[in-house]
C-alpha cells in the first residue's frame, strides 16, 4: 500500500517530466482579425470561438498563449504561424 508521501512524489515527478512549452502570439498592426482567427483554427486546431477569443486577447493585451505542449510538438505549429505573417514564439 502506498503512502500519501509516495503518491505525492510520483505526481510531482510526472509533472516535472512533462515540462510543457507555450506558443505566445503577439499583437501587430498588419494582420486582420479574420486572418488571425483562420490561422489559429488551421494551425493550432482552435475552435472558431477559441480562435476569436485569442485574437481579442492579443489585440487588447498585446499577447496570448495560443498552444501548449512539448517543444518538439510546437515547433511546426509556430513555424506555420510565422509563415502566415503572424508574430509568435515558443517560450
N, C-alpha and C. Protein backbone atom coordinates (compact mmCIF):
# COMPACT_ATOMS: atom_id res chain seq x y z
N UNK A 1 0.84 -1.18 0.00
CA UNK A 1 0.00 0.00 0.00
C UNK A 1 0.89 1.24 0.00
N UNK A 2 0.57 2.22 -0.87
CA UNK A 2 1.36 3.45 -0.99
C UNK A 2 0.97 4.44 0.09
N UNK A 3 1.97 5.14 0.56
CA UNK A 3 1.69 6.22 1.50
C UNK A 3 1.37 7.48 0.70
N UNK A 4 0.78 8.46 1.37
CA UNK A 4 0.46 9.72 0.72
C UNK A 4 1.73 10.38 0.19
N UNK A 5 2.81 10.26 0.94
CA UNK A 5 4.07 10.87 0.54
C UNK A 5 4.60 10.26 -0.76
N UNK A 6 4.51 8.94 -0.90
CA UNK A 6 4.97 8.28 -2.12
C UNK A 6 4.13 8.71 -3.33
N UNK A 7 2.82 8.81 -3.13
CA UNK A 7 1.92 9.22 -4.21
C UNK A 7 2.24 10.65 -4.63
N UNK A 8 2.45 11.56 -3.68
CA UNK A 8 2.78 12.95 -3.99
C UNK A 8 4.10 13.05 -4.73
N UNK A 9 5.08 12.25 -4.34
CA UNK A 9 6.38 12.26 -5.03
C UNK A 9 6.21 11.80 -6.47
N UNK A 10 5.37 10.78 -6.69
CA UNK A 10 5.15 10.26 -8.03
C UNK A 10 4.46 11.31 -8.91
N UNK A 11 3.46 11.99 -8.37
CA UNK A 11 2.75 13.03 -9.12
C UNK A 11 3.70 14.18 -9.44
N UNK A 12 4.50 14.60 -8.48
CA UNK A 12 5.46 15.68 -8.69
C UNK A 12 6.47 15.30 -9.77
N UNK A 13 6.93 14.06 -9.73
CA UNK A 13 7.91 13.60 -10.72
C UNK A 13 7.30 13.61 -12.12
N UNK A 14 6.08 13.14 -12.29
CA UNK A 14 5.43 13.13 -13.59
C UNK A 14 5.20 14.56 -14.10
N UNK A 15 4.84 15.47 -13.20
CA UNK A 15 4.62 16.86 -13.58
C UNK A 15 5.92 17.49 -14.06
N UNK A 16 7.01 17.21 -13.40
CA UNK A 16 8.30 17.77 -13.76
C UNK A 16 8.77 17.24 -15.10
N UNK A 17 8.52 15.99 -15.39
CA UNK A 17 8.98 15.36 -16.63
C UNK A 17 8.27 15.97 -17.85
N UNK A 18 6.99 16.33 -17.74
CA UNK A 18 6.22 16.83 -18.87
C UNK A 18 6.78 18.15 -19.41
N UNK A 19 7.15 19.08 -18.56
CA UNK A 19 7.84 20.31 -18.94
C UNK A 19 7.28 20.94 -20.22
N UNK A 20 6.04 21.42 -20.16
CA UNK A 20 5.37 22.00 -21.33
C UNK A 20 5.93 23.35 -21.71
N UNK A 21 5.94 23.60 -23.00
CA UNK A 21 6.29 24.90 -23.56
C UNK A 21 5.00 25.54 -24.06
N UNK A 22 5.08 26.82 -24.45
CA UNK A 22 3.92 27.54 -24.93
C UNK A 22 4.25 28.31 -26.20
N UNK A 23 3.29 28.42 -27.10
CA UNK A 23 3.40 29.36 -28.21
C UNK A 23 2.68 30.62 -27.77
N UNK A 24 3.41 31.73 -27.79
CA UNK A 24 2.83 33.03 -27.47
C UNK A 24 2.68 33.81 -28.77
N UNK A 25 1.46 34.29 -29.01
CA UNK A 25 1.17 35.10 -30.19
C UNK A 25 1.15 36.56 -29.77
N UNK A 26 1.80 37.42 -30.56
CA UNK A 26 1.92 38.84 -30.23
C UNK A 26 1.08 39.70 -31.17
N UNK A 27 0.65 40.83 -30.67
CA UNK A 27 -0.13 41.78 -31.47
C UNK A 27 0.74 42.45 -32.53
N UNK A 28 0.10 42.79 -33.64
CA UNK A 28 0.77 43.60 -34.66
C UNK A 28 -0.28 44.51 -35.30
N UNK A 29 0.16 45.43 -36.11
CA UNK A 29 -0.75 46.36 -36.77
C UNK A 29 -0.97 45.98 -38.23
N UNK A 30 -0.63 44.76 -38.61
CA UNK A 30 -0.66 44.34 -40.01
C UNK A 30 -1.80 43.38 -40.29
N UNK A 31 -1.96 42.35 -39.48
CA UNK A 31 -2.90 41.27 -39.77
C UNK A 31 -4.31 41.59 -39.30
N UNK A 32 -5.28 41.15 -40.10
CA UNK A 32 -6.69 41.35 -39.75
C UNK A 32 -7.12 40.30 -38.72
N UNK A 33 -8.23 40.60 -38.04
CA UNK A 33 -8.78 39.62 -37.11
C UNK A 33 -9.12 38.33 -37.84
N UNK A 34 -9.72 38.46 -39.01
CA UNK A 34 -10.12 37.26 -39.77
C UNK A 34 -8.91 36.39 -40.10
N UNK A 35 -7.81 37.01 -40.51
CA UNK A 35 -6.61 36.24 -40.85
C UNK A 35 -6.06 35.52 -39.61
N UNK A 36 -6.00 36.23 -38.48
CA UNK A 36 -5.50 35.63 -37.24
C UNK A 36 -6.40 34.47 -36.83
N UNK A 37 -7.70 34.67 -36.86
CA UNK A 37 -8.65 33.63 -36.46
C UNK A 37 -8.52 32.40 -37.36
N UNK A 38 -8.52 32.62 -38.67
CA UNK A 38 -8.40 31.49 -39.61
C UNK A 38 -7.08 30.74 -39.41
N UNK A 39 -6.01 31.48 -39.16
CA UNK A 39 -4.71 30.85 -38.98
C UNK A 39 -4.68 30.02 -37.69
N UNK A 40 -5.27 30.53 -36.61
CA UNK A 40 -5.31 29.78 -35.36
C UNK A 40 -6.16 28.52 -35.49
N UNK A 41 -7.25 28.60 -36.24
CA UNK A 41 -8.09 27.43 -36.44
C UNK A 41 -7.31 26.36 -37.20
N UNK A 42 -6.63 26.77 -38.25
CA UNK A 42 -5.87 25.82 -39.08
C UNK A 42 -4.63 25.29 -38.37
N UNK A 43 -3.85 26.20 -37.79
CA UNK A 43 -2.54 25.83 -37.26
C UNK A 43 -2.59 25.22 -35.87
N UNK A 44 -3.43 25.77 -35.01
CA UNK A 44 -3.46 25.32 -33.61
C UNK A 44 -4.68 24.47 -33.30
N UNK A 45 -5.50 24.20 -34.31
CA UNK A 45 -6.71 23.39 -34.15
C UNK A 45 -7.67 23.99 -33.12
N UNK A 46 -7.78 25.33 -33.13
CA UNK A 46 -8.73 26.01 -32.26
C UNK A 46 -10.13 25.91 -32.84
N UNK A 47 -11.13 25.98 -31.97
CA UNK A 47 -12.50 26.16 -32.44
C UNK A 47 -12.62 27.63 -32.87
N UNK A 48 -13.62 27.96 -33.68
CA UNK A 48 -13.79 29.36 -34.07
C UNK A 48 -13.92 30.31 -32.87
N UNK A 49 -14.64 29.89 -31.86
CA UNK A 49 -14.81 30.73 -30.66
C UNK A 49 -13.48 30.91 -29.93
N UNK A 50 -12.74 29.83 -29.76
CA UNK A 50 -11.44 29.90 -29.09
C UNK A 50 -10.48 30.80 -29.86
N UNK A 51 -10.46 30.67 -31.18
CA UNK A 51 -9.57 31.49 -32.01
C UNK A 51 -9.95 32.97 -31.90
N UNK A 52 -11.24 33.26 -31.90
CA UNK A 52 -11.69 34.64 -31.78
C UNK A 52 -11.31 35.22 -30.41
N UNK A 53 -11.47 34.44 -29.35
CA UNK A 53 -11.10 34.90 -28.01
C UNK A 53 -9.60 35.19 -27.93
N UNK A 54 -8.78 34.32 -28.53
CA UNK A 54 -7.33 34.55 -28.53
C UNK A 54 -6.99 35.81 -29.31
N UNK A 55 -7.63 36.00 -30.45
CA UNK A 55 -7.38 37.20 -31.27
C UNK A 55 -7.73 38.47 -30.48
N UNK A 56 -8.82 38.44 -29.75
CA UNK A 56 -9.21 39.60 -28.94
C UNK A 56 -8.21 39.84 -27.81
N UNK A 57 -7.77 38.77 -27.16
CA UNK A 57 -6.77 38.92 -26.10
C UNK A 57 -5.46 39.50 -26.64
N UNK A 58 -5.04 39.01 -27.79
CA UNK A 58 -3.82 39.54 -28.41
C UNK A 58 -3.99 41.02 -28.72
N UNK A 59 -5.15 41.38 -29.24
CA UNK A 59 -5.40 42.78 -29.61
C UNK A 59 -5.38 43.70 -28.38
N UNK A 60 -6.06 43.29 -27.32
CA UNK A 60 -6.20 44.17 -26.15
C UNK A 60 -5.08 44.04 -25.13
N UNK A 61 -4.48 42.86 -25.02
CA UNK A 61 -3.42 42.63 -24.02
C UNK A 61 -2.02 42.63 -24.61
N UNK A 62 -1.91 42.52 -25.93
CA UNK A 62 -0.61 42.53 -26.58
C UNK A 62 -0.03 41.16 -26.86
N UNK A 63 -0.54 40.15 -26.17
CA UNK A 63 -0.06 38.79 -26.40
C UNK A 63 -1.02 37.79 -25.77
N UNK A 64 -0.89 36.53 -26.20
CA UNK A 64 -1.74 35.46 -25.66
C UNK A 64 -1.07 34.12 -25.93
N UNK A 65 -1.11 33.23 -24.95
CA UNK A 65 -0.66 31.86 -25.18
C UNK A 65 -1.73 31.15 -26.00
N UNK A 66 -1.35 30.64 -27.17
CA UNK A 66 -2.33 30.02 -28.06
C UNK A 66 -2.22 28.50 -28.12
N UNK A 67 -1.13 27.94 -27.64
CA UNK A 67 -0.98 26.48 -27.65
C UNK A 67 0.09 26.07 -26.64
N UNK A 68 -0.14 24.99 -25.92
CA UNK A 68 0.86 24.44 -25.01
C UNK A 68 1.15 23.00 -25.41
N UNK A 69 2.33 22.55 -25.08
CA UNK A 69 2.72 21.17 -25.39
C UNK A 69 4.22 21.04 -25.31
N UNK A 70 4.71 19.92 -25.80
CA UNK A 70 6.15 19.72 -25.81
C UNK A 70 6.76 20.64 -26.86
N UNK A 71 8.01 21.00 -26.65
CA UNK A 71 8.71 21.90 -27.57
C UNK A 71 8.69 21.33 -28.99
N UNK A 72 8.97 20.04 -29.11
CA UNK A 72 9.03 19.38 -30.40
C UNK A 72 7.69 19.44 -31.13
N UNK A 73 6.60 19.34 -30.38
CA UNK A 73 5.27 19.39 -30.96
C UNK A 73 4.91 20.81 -31.42
N UNK A 74 5.44 21.81 -30.73
CA UNK A 74 5.08 23.20 -31.01
C UNK A 74 5.87 23.82 -32.16
N UNK A 75 7.06 23.32 -32.43
CA UNK A 75 7.92 23.93 -33.45
C UNK A 75 7.22 24.03 -34.81
N UNK A 76 6.63 22.96 -35.35
CA UNK A 76 5.99 23.10 -36.66
C UNK A 76 4.78 24.04 -36.63
N UNK A 77 4.06 24.06 -35.53
CA UNK A 77 2.90 24.96 -35.42
C UNK A 77 3.36 26.42 -35.40
N UNK A 78 4.39 26.71 -34.62
CA UNK A 78 4.90 28.06 -34.55
C UNK A 78 5.45 28.50 -35.91
N UNK A 79 6.11 27.60 -36.60
CA UNK A 79 6.63 27.90 -37.94
C UNK A 79 5.50 28.27 -38.89
N UNK A 80 4.38 27.57 -38.80
CA UNK A 80 3.23 27.88 -39.66
C UNK A 80 2.65 29.26 -39.33
N UNK A 81 2.61 29.59 -38.04
CA UNK A 81 2.13 30.93 -37.65
C UNK A 81 3.04 32.01 -38.23
N UNK A 82 4.34 31.78 -38.15
CA UNK A 82 5.31 32.74 -38.68
C UNK A 82 5.20 32.85 -40.19
N UNK A 83 5.04 31.72 -40.86
CA UNK A 83 4.89 31.72 -42.33
C UNK A 83 3.63 32.47 -42.77
N UNK A 84 2.61 32.47 -41.89
CA UNK A 84 1.36 33.18 -42.20
C UNK A 84 1.48 34.67 -41.90
N UNK A 85 2.65 35.10 -41.44
CA UNK A 85 2.87 36.52 -41.19
C UNK A 85 2.55 36.98 -39.79
N UNK A 86 2.25 36.02 -38.89
CA UNK A 86 1.96 36.39 -37.51
C UNK A 86 3.26 36.45 -36.71
N UNK A 87 3.20 37.12 -35.58
CA UNK A 87 4.35 37.25 -34.70
C UNK A 87 4.16 36.32 -33.51
N UNK A 88 5.01 35.29 -33.41
CA UNK A 88 4.87 34.29 -32.36
C UNK A 88 6.22 33.73 -31.97
N UNK A 89 6.29 33.17 -30.77
CA UNK A 89 7.49 32.49 -30.32
C UNK A 89 7.13 31.39 -29.34
N UNK A 90 8.05 30.46 -29.18
CA UNK A 90 7.88 29.39 -28.20
C UNK A 90 8.64 29.79 -26.95
N UNK A 91 7.95 29.73 -25.81
CA UNK A 91 8.61 30.04 -24.52
C UNK A 91 8.48 28.89 -23.58
